[in-house]
PDB file of N, CA and C in Angstrom:
ATOM      1  N   MET A   1     174.007 -38.609  33.776  1.00  0.00           N
ATOM      2  CA  MET A   1     173.366 -38.492  31.953  1.00  0.00           C
ATOM      3  C   MET A   1     172.029 -39.448  31.839  1.00  0.00           C
ATOM      4  N   GLY A   2     171.140 -38.697  31.015  1.00  0.00           N
ATOM      5  CA  GLY A   2     169.990 -39.838  30.538  1.00  0.00           C
ATOM      6  C   GLY A   2     170.183 -40.497  28.880  1.00  0.00           C
ATOM      7  N   GLN A   3     169.065 -41.414  29.357  1.00  0.00           N
ATOM      8  CA  GLN A   3     169.436 -42.505  28.139  1.00  0.00           C
ATOM      9  C   GLN A   3     168.766 -42.055  26.745  1.00  0.00           C
ATOM     10  N   ILE A   4     168.282 -40.315  26.540  1.00  0.00           N
ATOM     11  CA  ILE A   4     168.714 -40.333  25.101  1.00  0.00           C
ATOM     12  C   ILE A   4     169.295 -39.580  25.088  1.00  0.00           C
ATOM     13  N   THR A   5     170.592 -39.036  25.845  1.00  0.00           N
ATOM     14  CA  THR A   5     172.180 -38.039  25.898  1.00  0.00           C
ATOM     15  C   THR A   5     172.731 -39.895  25.766  1.00  0.00           C
ATOM     16  N   GLN A   6     172.927 -40.911  26.255  1.00  0.00           N
ATOM     17  CA  GLN A   6     173.654 -42.150  26.044  1.00  0.00           C
ATOM     18  C   GLN A   6     173.162 -42.877  24.386  1.00  0.00           C
ATOM     19  N   SER A   7     172.184 -42.571  24.096  1.00  0.00           N
ATOM     20  CA  SER A   7     171.397 -43.395  22.636  1.00  0.00           C
ATOM     21  C   SER A   7     172.643 -42.630  21.915  1.00  0.00           C
ATOM     22  N   ARG A   8     171.867 -41.466  21.691  1.00  0.00           N
ATOM     23  CA  ARG A   8     172.490 -40.547  20.852  1.00  0.00           C
ATOM     24  C   ARG A   8     173.878 -40.721  20.814  1.00  0.00           C
ATOM     25  N   LYS A   9     174.432 -40.587  21.989  1.00  0.00           N
ATOM     26  CA  LYS A   9     176.155 -40.446  21.497  1.00  0.00           C
ATOM     27  C   LYS A   9     176.626 -41.561  21.561  1.00  0.00           C
ATOM     28  N   ARG A  10     176.068 -42.807  21.898  1.00  0.00           N
ATOM     29  CA  ARG A  10     176.542 -43.828  21.493  1.00  0.00           C
ATOM     30  C   ARG A  10     176.255 -44.320  19.773  1.00  0.00           C
ATOM     31  N   GLN A  11     174.807 -43.759  19.397  1.00  0.00           N
ATOM     32  CA  GLN A  11     175.077 -43.960  17.398  1.00  0.00           C
ATOM     33  C   GLN A  11     175.605 -42.814  16.602  1.00  0.00           C
ATOM     34  N   ILE A  12     176.039 -41.953  17.121  1.00  0.00           N
ATOM     35  CA  ILE A  12     176.677 -40.768  16.107  1.00  0.00           C
ATOM     36  C   ILE A  12     178.375 -41.504  16.514  1.00  0.00           C
ATOM     37  N   LYS A  13     178.959 -41.933  17.528  1.00  0.00           N
ATOM     38  CA  LYS A  13     180.552 -42.243  17.907  1.00  0.00           C
ATOM     39  C   LYS A  13     180.479 -43.677  17.046  1.00  0.00           C
ATOM     40  N   ARG A  14     178.945 -44.037  16.709  1.00  0.00           N
ATOM     41  CA  ARG A  14     179.295 -45.371  16.210  1.00  0.00           C
ATOM     42  C   ARG A  14     178.975 -44.713  14.913  1.00  0.00           C
ATOM     43  N   PHE A  15     178.146 -44.219  13.812  1.00  0.00           N
ATOM     44  CA  PHE A  15     177.701 -44.120  12.397  1.00  0.00           C
ATOM     45  C   PHE A  15     178.345 -43.104  11.967  1.00  0.00           C
ATOM     46  N   GLY A  16     178.769 -41.959  12.549  1.00  0.00           N
ATOM     47  CA  GLY A  16     179.171 -40.833  12.393  1.00  0.00           C
ATOM     48  C   GLY A  16     180.722 -40.492  11.766  1.00  0.00           C
ATOM     49  N   ARG A  17     180.971 -39.341  11.304  1.00  0.00           N
ATOM     50  CA  ARG A  17     182.232 -39.292  10.774  1.00  0.00           C
ATOM     51  C   ARG A  17     182.755 -37.635  11.046  1.00  0.00           C
ATOM     52  N   LYS A  18     183.882 -37.870  10.504  1.00  0.00           N
ATOM     53  CA  LYS A  18     184.663 -36.154  11.024  1.00  0.00           C
ATOM     54  C   LYS A  18     183.810 -35.277  10.049  1.00  0.00           C
ATOM     55  N   MET A  19     183.422 -33.718  10.910  1.00  0.00           N
ATOM     56  CA  MET A  19     182.975 -32.775  10.396  1.00  0.00           C
ATOM     57  C   MET A  19     183.399 -31.231  11.012  1.00  0.00           C
ATOM     58  N   THR A  20     183.411 -30.795  10.064  1.00  0.00           N
ATOM     59  CA  THR A  20     183.624 -28.837  11.114  1.00  0.00           C
ATOM     60  C   THR A  20     182.546 -27.760  10.856  1.00  0.00           C
ATOM     61  N   LEU A  21     182.681 -27.096  11.744  1.00  0.00           N
ATOM     62  CA  LEU A  21     181.244 -25.829  11.657  1.00  0.00           C
ATOM     63  C   LEU A  21     182.786 -25.050  12.394  1.00  0.00           C
ATOM     64  N   SER A  22     181.721 -23.555  11.466  1.00  0.00           N
ATOM     65  CA  SER A  22     182.645 -22.563  11.122  1.00  0.00           C
ATOM     66  C   SER A  22     181.489 -21.615  11.855  1.00  0.00           C
ATOM     67  N   VAL A  23     182.133 -19.864  12.067  1.00  0.00           N
ATOM     68  CA  VAL A  23     181.600 -18.907  11.963  1.00  0.00           C
ATOM     69  C   VAL A  23     182.684 -18.057  12.419  1.00  0.00           C
ATOM     70  N   GLY A  24     182.459 -17.431  11.054  1.00  0.00           N
ATOM     71  CA  GLY A  24     183.531 -16.199  11.293  1.00  0.00           C
ATOM     72  C   GLY A  24     185.388 -16.979  11.925  1.00  0.00           C
ATOM     73  N   ASP A  25     186.033 -16.942  12.689  1.00  0.00           N
ATOM     74  CA  ASP A  25     187.300 -17.114  13.017  1.00  0.00           C
ATOM     75  C   ASP A  25     186.733 -18.551  14.148  1.00  0.00           C
ATOM     76  N   LYS A  26     185.979 -19.034  13.928  1.00  0.00           N
ATOM     77  CA  LYS A  26     185.541 -19.750  15.101  1.00  0.00           C
ATOM     78  C   LYS A  26     185.337 -21.271  14.761  1.00  0.00           C
ATOM     79  N   THR A  27     186.315 -22.531  14.557  1.00  0.00           N
ATOM     80  CA  THR A  27     186.289 -23.688  14.156  1.00  0.00           C
ATOM     81  C   THR A  27     185.799 -24.399  15.143  1.00  0.00           C
ATOM     82  N   CYS A  28     185.247 -25.486  14.905  1.00  0.00           N
ATOM     83  CA  CYS A  28     184.985 -26.694  15.862  1.00  0.00           C
ATOM     84  C   CYS A  28     184.709 -28.318  14.836  1.00  0.00           C
ATOM     85  N   GLU A  29     185.803 -28.700  15.294  1.00  0.00           N
ATOM     86  CA  GLU A  29     185.906 -29.990  14.623  1.00  0.00           C
ATOM     87  C   GLU A  29     184.985 -30.927  15.791  1.00  0.00           C
ATOM     88  N   LEU A  30     184.205 -31.827  14.648  1.00  0.00           N
ATOM     89  CA  LEU A  30     182.933 -32.718  15.585  1.00  0.00           C
ATOM     90  C   LEU A  30     182.710 -33.919  15.109  1.00  0.00           C
ATOM     91  N   ILE A  31     182.200 -35.119  15.733  1.00  0.00           N
ATOM     92  CA  ILE A  31     181.569 -36.400  15.176  1.00  0.00           C
ATOM     93  C   ILE A  31     180.277 -36.002  14.308  1.00  0.00           C
ATOM     94  N   GLY A  32     179.803 -36.123  13.611  1.00  0.00           N
ATOM     95  CA  GLY A  32     178.196 -36.378  12.773  1.00  0.00           C
ATOM     96  C   GLY A  32     177.890 -37.277  12.204  1.00  0.00           C
ATOM     97  N   TYR A  33     176.434 -37.360  12.788  1.00  0.00           N
ATOM     98  CA  TYR A  33     176.087 -38.374  11.575  1.00  0.00           C
ATOM     99  C   TYR A  33     174.823 -37.868  10.534  1.00  0.00           C
ATOM    100  N   ALA A  34     175.174 -38.110   9.172  1.00  0.00           N
ATOM    101  CA  ALA A  34     174.324 -38.162   8.367  1.00  0.00           C
ATOM    102  C   ALA A  34     173.775 -38.992   7.856  1.00  0.00           C
ATOM    103  N   PRO A  35     172.278 -39.558   8.009  1.00  0.00           N
ATOM    104  CA  PRO A  35     171.554 -40.606   7.399  1.00  0.00           C
ATOM    105  C   PRO A  35     171.522 -40.046   5.959  1.00  0.00           C
ATOM    106  N   PRO A  36     171.866 -41.311   5.000  1.00  0.00           N
ATOM    107  CA  PRO A  36     171.806 -41.166   3.795  1.00  0.00           C
ATOM    108  C   PRO A  36     170.283 -40.855   3.122  1.00  0.00           C
ATOM    109  N   PRO A  37     170.290 -40.127   1.978  1.00  0.00           N
ATOM    110  CA  PRO A  37     168.789 -39.442   1.448  1.00  0.00           C
ATOM    111  C   PRO A  37     168.569 -40.859   1.273  1.00  0.00           C
ATOM    112  N   GLN A  38     166.334 -40.759   1.533  1.00  0.00           N
ATOM    113  CA  GLN A  38     165.367 -41.677   1.542  1.00  0.00           C
ATOM    114  C   GLN A  38     165.540 -42.045  -0.123  1.00  0.00           C
ATOM    115  N   ALA A  39     165.332 -42.980  -0.987  1.00  0.00           N
ATOM    116  CA  ALA A  39     164.622 -42.912  -2.482  1.00  0.00           C
ATOM    117  C   ALA A  39     163.710 -41.757  -2.657  1.00  0.00           C
ATOM    118  N   SER A  40     163.385 -41.212  -1.928  1.00  0.00           N
ATOM    119  CA  SER A  40     161.945 -40.101  -2.265  1.00  0.00           C
ATOM    120  C   SER A  40     162.301 -38.969  -2.601  1.00  0.00           C
ATOM    121  N   GLN A  41     163.756 -38.403  -1.490  1.00  0.00           N
ATOM    122  CA  GLN A  41     164.778 -37.836  -2.159  1.00  0.00           C
ATOM    123  C   GLN A  41     165.446 -37.642  -2.671  1.00  0.00           C
ATOM    124  N   LEU A  42     165.913 -38.348  -4.137  1.00  0.00           N
ATOM    125  CA  LEU A  42     166.927 -39.201  -5.356  1.00  0.00           C
ATOM    126  C   LEU A  42     165.758 -38.435  -6.288  1.00  0.00           C
ATOM    127  N   VAL A  43     166.693 -37.626  -7.033  1.00  0.00           N
ATOM    128  CA  VAL A  43     165.905 -37.857  -8.482  1.00  0.00           C
ATOM    129  C   VAL A  43     166.823 -37.480  -9.341  1.00  0.00           C
ATOM    130  N   GLU A  44     166.674 -38.718 -10.088  1.00  0.00           N
ATOM    131  CA  GLU A  44     168.223 -38.811 -10.993  1.00  0.00           C
ATOM    132  C   GLU A  44     169.362 -39.420 -10.601  1.00  0.00           C
ATOM    133  N   GLY A  45     169.318 -40.074  -9.649  1.00  0.00           N
ATOM    134  CA  GLY A  45     170.252 -40.765  -8.568  1.00  0.00           C
ATOM    135  C   GLY A  45     170.761 -39.692  -7.432  1.00  0.00           C
ATOM    136  N   VAL A  46     170.473 -38.514  -7.603  1.00  0.00           N
ATOM    137  CA  VAL A  46     170.625 -37.655  -7.511  1.00  0.00           C
ATOM    138  C   VAL A  46     170.300 -36.739  -5.929  1.00  0.00           C
ATOM    139  N   ALA A  47     171.457 -36.697  -4.613  1.00  0.00           N
ATOM    140  CA  ALA A  47     170.090 -36.207  -3.335  1.00  0.00           C
ATOM    141  C   ALA A  47     169.703 -34.712  -3.455  1.00  0.00           C
ATOM    142  N   LYS A  48     168.096 -34.905  -3.708  1.00  0.00           N
ATOM    143  CA  LYS A  48     167.830 -32.838  -3.400  1.00  0.00           C
ATOM    144  C   LYS A  48     167.229 -32.875  -3.012  1.00  0.00           C
ATOM    145  N   ALA A  49     167.514 -32.823  -1.719  1.00  0.00           N
ATOM    146  CA  ALA A  49     167.047 -32.977  -0.685  1.00  0.00           C
ATOM    147  C   ALA A  49     168.222 -31.775   0.606  1.00  0.00           C
ATOM    148  N   ALA A  50     167.173 -31.078   1.290  1.00  0.00           N
ATOM    149  CA  ALA A  50     168.797 -31.309   2.358  1.00  0.00           C
ATOM    150  C   ALA A  50     169.062 -31.692   3.035  1.00  0.00           C
ATOM    151  N   PHE A  51     170.793 -31.248   3.437  1.00  0.00           N
ATOM    152  CA  PHE A  51     171.731 -31.919   3.798  1.00  0.00           C
ATOM    153  C   PHE A  51     171.327 -31.829   5.605  1.00  0.00           C
ATOM    154  N   ILE A  52     170.997 -32.896   6.173  1.00  0.00           N
ATOM    155  CA  ILE A  52     171.208 -32.998   7.342  1.00  0.00           C
ATOM    156  C   ILE A  52     171.847 -33.741   8.490  1.00  0.00           C
ATOM    157  N   ALA A  53     172.095 -33.403   9.540  1.00  0.00           N
ATOM    158  CA  ALA A  53     173.196 -34.084  10.352  1.00  0.00           C
ATOM    159  C   ALA A  53     172.664 -33.885  11.640  1.00  0.00           C
ATOM    160  N   GLN A  54     173.632 -35.493  12.536  1.00  0.00           N
ATOM    161  CA  GLN A  54     173.168 -35.121  14.316  1.00  0.00           C
ATOM    162  C   GLN A  54     174.095 -34.716  14.680  1.00  0.00           C
ATOM    163  N   ILE A  55     174.683 -34.259  15.664  1.00  0.00           N
ATOM    164  CA  ILE A  55     175.604 -33.810  16.217  1.00  0.00           C
ATOM    165  C   ILE A  55     175.013 -33.975  17.998  1.00  0.00           C
ATOM    166  N   THR A  56     176.414 -34.311  18.876  1.00  0.00           N
ATOM    167  CA  THR A  56     176.171 -33.948  20.168  1.00  0.00           C
ATOM    168  C   THR A  56     176.490 -32.143  20.305  1.00  0.00           C
ATOM    169  N   ALA A  57     175.777 -32.134  21.822  1.00  0.00           N
ATOM    170  CA  ALA A  57     176.233 -30.865  22.069  1.00  0.00           C
ATOM    171  C   ALA A  57     177.675 -30.615  22.712  1.00  0.00           C
ATOM    172  N   ASP A  58     178.513 -32.251  23.362  1.00  0.00           N
ATOM    173  CA  ASP A  58     179.583 -31.626  23.331  1.00  0.00           C
ATOM    174  C   ASP A  58     180.717 -30.842  22.993  1.00  0.00           C
ATOM    175  N   GLU A  59     180.982 -31.092  21.610  1.00  0.00           N
ATOM    176  CA  GLU A  59     182.209 -30.121  20.697  1.00  0.00           C
ATOM    177  C   GLU A  59     181.916 -28.884  20.259  1.00  0.00           C
ATOM    178  N   VAL A  60     180.264 -28.409  19.999  1.00  0.00           N
ATOM    179  CA  VAL A  60     180.303 -27.402  20.093  1.00  0.00           C
ATOM    180  C   VAL A  60     180.352 -26.476  21.544  1.00  0.00           C
ATOM    181  N   ASN A  61     179.857 -27.090  22.541  1.00  0.00           N
ATOM    182  CA  ASN A  61     179.672 -26.486  23.860  1.00  0.00           C
ATOM    183  C   ASN A  61     181.044 -26.240  24.803  1.00  0.00           C
ATOM    184  N   ALA A  62     181.913 -27.715  23.936  1.00  0.00           N
ATOM    185  CA  ALA A  62     183.510 -26.617  24.295  1.00  0.00           C
ATOM    186  C   ALA A  62     184.205 -25.373  23.413  1.00  0.00           C
ATOM    187  N   ALA A  63     183.542 -26.120  22.199  1.00  0.00           N
ATOM    188  CA  ALA A  63     184.126 -24.603  21.811  1.00  0.00           C
ATOM    189  C   ALA A  63     183.388 -23.327  21.267  1.00  0.00           C
ATOM    190  N   GLY A  64     181.634 -23.135  22.549  1.00  0.00           N
ATOM    191  CA  GLY A  64     181.705 -21.553  22.682  1.00  0.00           C
ATOM    192  C   GLY A  64     180.688 -21.082  21.563  1.00  0.00           C
ATOM    193  N   ILE A  65     180.797 -22.436  20.504  1.00  0.00           N
ATOM    194  CA  ILE A  65     179.902 -22.342  19.710  1.00  0.00           C
ATOM    195  C   ILE A  65     177.944 -22.892  19.764  1.00  0.00           C
ATOM    196  N   THR A  66     177.488 -21.407  19.481  1.00  0.00           N
ATOM    197  CA  THR A  66     175.790 -22.122  19.164  1.00  0.00           C
ATOM    198  C   THR A  66     175.193 -22.142  17.362  1.00  0.00           C
ATOM    199  N   PRO A  67     175.354 -23.641  17.071  1.00  0.00           N
ATOM    200  CA  PRO A  67     174.497 -23.942  15.952  1.00  0.00           C
ATOM    201  C   PRO A  67     173.565 -23.029  15.820  1.00  0.00           C
ATOM    202  N   GLY A  68     173.668 -22.141  14.880  1.00  0.00           N
ATOM    203  CA  GLY A  68     172.944 -21.201  13.608  1.00  0.00           C
ATOM    204  C   GLY A  68     172.825 -21.325  11.973  1.00  0.00           C
ATOM    205  N   GLN A  69     171.457 -20.472  11.897  1.00  0.00           N
ATOM    206  CA  GLN A  69     171.674 -20.378  10.587  1.00  0.00           C
ATOM    207  C   GLN A  69     173.139 -19.656   9.776  1.00  0.00           C
ATOM    208  N   LYS A  70     173.277 -19.497   9.121  1.00  0.00           N
ATOM    209  CA  LYS A  70     174.506 -18.840   7.974  1.00  0.00           C
ATOM    210  C   LYS A  70     176.018 -19.728   8.827  1.00  0.00           C
ATOM    211  N   MET A  71     175.788 -20.374   9.425  1.00  0.00           N
ATOM    212  CA  MET A  71     177.159 -21.123   9.676  1.00  0.00           C
ATOM    213  C   MET A  71     178.070 -21.883   8.401  1.00  0.00           C
ATOM    214  N   ARG A  72     178.895 -22.222   8.484  1.00  0.00           N
ATOM    215  CA  ARG A  72     179.219 -23.767   7.538  1.00  0.00           C
ATOM    216  C   ARG A  72     179.694 -25.004   7.831  1.00  0.00           C
ATOM    217  N   LEU A  73     179.033 -25.701   7.113  1.00  0.00           N
ATOM    218  CA  LEU A  73     179.257 -26.979   7.966  1.00  0.00           C
ATOM    219  C   LEU A  73     180.351 -27.803   6.796  1.00  0.00           C
ATOM    220  N   SER A  74     181.453 -28.439   7.435  1.00  0.00           N
ATOM    221  CA  SER A  74     182.452 -29.221   6.096  1.00  0.00           C
ATOM    222  C   SER A  74     182.119 -30.289   6.594  1.00  0.00           C
ATOM    223  N   ASP A  75     181.855 -31.293   5.377  1.00  0.00           N
ATOM    224  CA  ASP A  75     181.814 -32.507   5.592  1.00  0.00           C
ATOM    225  C   ASP A  75     182.312 -33.163   4.334  1.00  0.00           C
ATOM    226  N   GLY A  76     184.030 -33.464   4.849  1.00  0.00           N
ATOM    227  CA  GLY A  76     184.669 -33.732   3.757  1.00  0.00           C
ATOM    228  C   GLY A  76     184.786 -32.298   2.976  1.00  0.00           C
ATOM    229  N   PRO A  77     184.966 -33.278   1.348  1.00  0.00           N
ATOM    230  CA  PRO A  77     185.409 -32.028   0.445  1.00  0.00           C
ATOM    231  C   PRO A  77     184.275 -31.220   0.539  1.00  0.00           C
ATOM    232  N   LYS A  78     183.188 -31.621   0.792  1.00  0.00           N
ATOM    233  CA  LYS A  78     181.625 -30.874   0.856  1.00  0.00           C
ATOM    234  C   LYS A  78     180.762 -30.008   1.746  1.00  0.00           C
ATOM    235  N   SER A  79     181.026 -28.551   1.359  1.00  0.00           N
ATOM    236  CA  SER A  79     180.674 -27.482   2.085  1.00  0.00           C
ATOM    237  C   SER A  79     179.165 -26.665   2.444  1.00  0.00           C
ATOM    238  N   TYR A  80     178.510 -27.295   3.153  1.00  0.00           N
ATOM    239  CA  TYR A  80     177.355 -26.011   3.462  1.00  0.00           C
ATOM    240  C   TYR A  80     177.538 -25.313   4.125  1.00  0.00           C
ATOM    241  N   MET A  81     175.816 -24.433   3.847  1.00  0.00           N
ATOM    242  CA  MET A  81     175.372 -23.480   4.859  1.00  0.00           C
ATOM    243  C   MET A  81     174.280 -23.944   5.555  1.00  0.00           C
ATOM    244  N   LEU A  82     174.387 -23.671   6.451  1.00  0.00           N
ATOM    245  CA  LEU A  82     173.263 -23.996   7.754  1.00  0.00           C
ATOM    246  C   LEU A  82     171.768 -23.096   7.206  1.00  0.00           C
ATOM    247  N   THR A  83     170.499 -23.957   7.345  1.00  0.00           N
ATOM    248  CA  THR A  83     169.719 -22.775   7.466  1.00  0.00           C
ATOM    249  C   THR A  83     168.933 -23.016   8.746  1.00  0.00           C
ATOM    250  N   ASP A  84     168.900 -23.898   9.380  1.00  0.00           N
ATOM    251  CA  ASP A  84     168.279 -24.378  10.584  1.00  0.00           C
ATOM    252  C   ASP A  84     169.574 -24.856  11.592  1.00  0.00           C
ATOM    253  N   ALA A  85     168.320 -24.842  12.613  1.00  0.00           N
ATOM    254  CA  ALA A  85     169.900 -25.943  13.469  1.00  0.00           C
ATOM    255  C   ALA A  85     168.613 -25.854  15.509  1.00  0.00           C
ATOM    256  N   THR A  86     168.115 -27.040  15.118  1.00  0.00           N
ATOM    257  CA  THR A  86     167.383 -26.947  16.009  1.00  0.00           C
ATOM    258  C   THR A  86     167.595 -28.760  17.217  1.00  0.00           C
ATOM    259  N   PRO A  87     167.650 -27.901  18.512  1.00  0.00           N
ATOM    260  CA  PRO A  87     168.395 -28.163  19.444  1.00  0.00           C
ATOM    261  C   PRO A  87     167.789 -29.717  20.311  1.00  0.00           C
ATOM    262  N   VAL A  88     167.923 -30.488  20.757  1.00  0.00           N
ATOM    263  CA  VAL A  88     167.596 -32.269  20.703  1.00  0.00           C
ATOM    264  C   VAL A  88     168.125 -31.847  21.991  1.00  0.00           C
ATOM    265  N   TYR A  89     167.035 -32.356  23.187  1.00  0.00           N
ATOM    266  CA  TYR A  89     166.717 -32.063  24.513  1.00  0.00           C
ATOM    267  C   TYR A  89     167.145 -33.126  24.828  1.00  0.00           C
ATOM    268  N   ASP A  90     167.481 -33.834  26.535  1.00  0.00           N
ATOM    269  CA  ASP A  90     166.784 -34.626  27.081  1.00  0.00           C
ATOM    270  C   ASP A  90     166.500 -34.255  28.913  1.00  0.00           C
ATOM    271  N   GLY A  91     165.241 -33.867  28.819  1.00  0.00           N
ATOM    272  CA  GLY A  91     165.359 -32.785  29.741  1.00  0.00           C
ATOM    273  C   GLY A  91     164.842 -31.766  29.433  1.00  0.00           C
ATOM    274  N   GLN A  92     165.585 -31.501  30.378  1.00  0.00           N
ATOM    275  CA  GLN A  92     166.253 -30.107  30.218  1.00  0.00           C
ATOM    276  C   GLN A  92     166.968 -29.557  29.449  1.00  0.00           C
ATOM    277  N   ILE A  93     168.233 -30.410  29.196  1.00  0.00           N
ATOM    278  CA  ILE A  93     169.547 -29.861  29.018  1.00  0.00           C
ATOM    279  C   ILE A  93     169.601 -30.552  27.513  1.00  0.00           C
ATOM    280  N   ILE A  94     170.378 -29.551  26.866  1.00  0.00           N
ATOM    281  CA  ILE A  94     170.147 -29.935  25.469  1.00  0.00           C
ATOM    282  C   ILE A  94     171.477 -30.555  25.173  1.00  0.00           C
ATOM    283  N   CYS A  95     171.106 -31.513  24.756  1.00  0.00           N
ATOM    284  CA  CYS A  95     171.924 -33.127  24.320  1.00  0.00           C
ATOM    285  C   CYS A  95     172.960 -33.494  22.857  1.00  0.00           C
ATOM    286  N   GLY A  96     172.406 -32.208  22.004  1.00  0.00           N
ATOM    287  CA  GLY A  96     172.765 -32.827  20.911  1.00  0.00           C
ATOM    288  C   GLY A  96     171.917 -31.804  19.665  1.00  0.00           C
ATOM    289  N   TRP A  97     172.549 -31.354  18.466  1.00  0.00           N
ATOM    290  CA  TRP A  97     171.626 -30.751  17.609  1.00  0.00           C
ATOM    291  C   TRP A  97     171.403 -31.192  16.501  1.00  0.00           C
ATOM    292  N   THR A  98     170.458 -31.048  16.073  1.00  0.00           N
ATOM    293  CA  THR A  98     169.830 -31.566  14.358  1.00  0.00           C
ATOM    294  C   THR A  98     170.158 -30.848  13.489  1.00  0.00           C
ATOM    295  N   LEU A  99     171.305 -30.321  12.648  1.00  0.00           N
ATOM    296  CA  LEU A  99     171.824 -28.972  11.492  1.00  0.00           C
ATOM    297  C   LEU A  99     171.124 -30.075  10.139  1.00  0.00           C
ATOM    298  N   ILE A 100     170.262 -28.812   9.403  1.00  0.00           N
ATOM    299  CA  ILE A 100     169.806 -28.910   8.568  1.00  0.00           C
ATOM    300  C   ILE A 100     170.518 -27.491   7.659  1.00  0.00           C
ATOM    301  N   ALA A 101     171.298 -28.242   6.806  1.00  0.00           N
ATOM    302  CA  ALA A 101     171.935 -27.253   5.888  1.00  0.00           C
ATOM    303  C   ALA A 101     171.426 -27.250   4.499  1.00  0.00           C
ATOM    304  N   ALA A 102     172.227 -26.545   3.219  1.00  0.00           N
ATOM    305  CA  ALA A 102     171.645 -26.452   2.200  1.00  0.00           C
ATOM    306  C   ALA A 102     173.328 -26.449   1.217  1.00  0.00           C
ATOM    307  N   GLY A 103     173.873 -26.716   0.010  1.00  0.00           N
ATOM    308  CA  GLY A 103     174.761 -26.256  -0.397  1.00  0.00           C
ATOM    309  C   GLY A 103     175.161 -27.655  -1.300  1.00  0.00           C
ATOM    310  N   GLY A 104     176.060 -27.709  -0.984  1.00  0.00           N
ATOM    311  CA  GLY A 104     176.952 -29.000  -0.973  1.00  0.00           C
ATOM    312  C   GLY A 104     178.085 -29.140  -1.689  1.00  0.00           C
ATOM    313  N   ALA A 105     178.407 -27.470  -2.417  1.00  0.00           N
ATOM    314  CA  ALA A 105     179.509 -27.019  -3.123  1.00  0.00           C
ATOM    315  C   ALA A 105     180.902 -28.004  -2.745  1.00  0.00           C
ATOM    316  N   GLY A 106     181.373 -28.319  -3.498  1.00  0.00           N
ATOM    317  CA  GLY A 106     183.085 -28.720  -3.390  1.00  0.00           C
ATOM    318  C   GLY A 106     183.400 -29.778  -4.191  1.00  0.00           C
TER     319      GLY A 106
END
């Protein structure tokens, strides 16, 4: 396991929270880290930017899911629709994903 993978796993386990990624009848419970919005992304105290979550590849690989558009990401009571999912590499191995979502209904 490379340095990038180890560092990513430590950060996500330390600061992350339970989330659920689903597509069709497949569901994957995972730990995701969603940094708080920056001041420039707040309008009247409400976040107006895309929801971004960092995850490791472990849970989605075990569930046989490759994150992508139109998947549902649940973060507590809020539900988002993925607009993009970018792999994070440690050398040639995917060690995690950056999930970009819109919505927040719930």
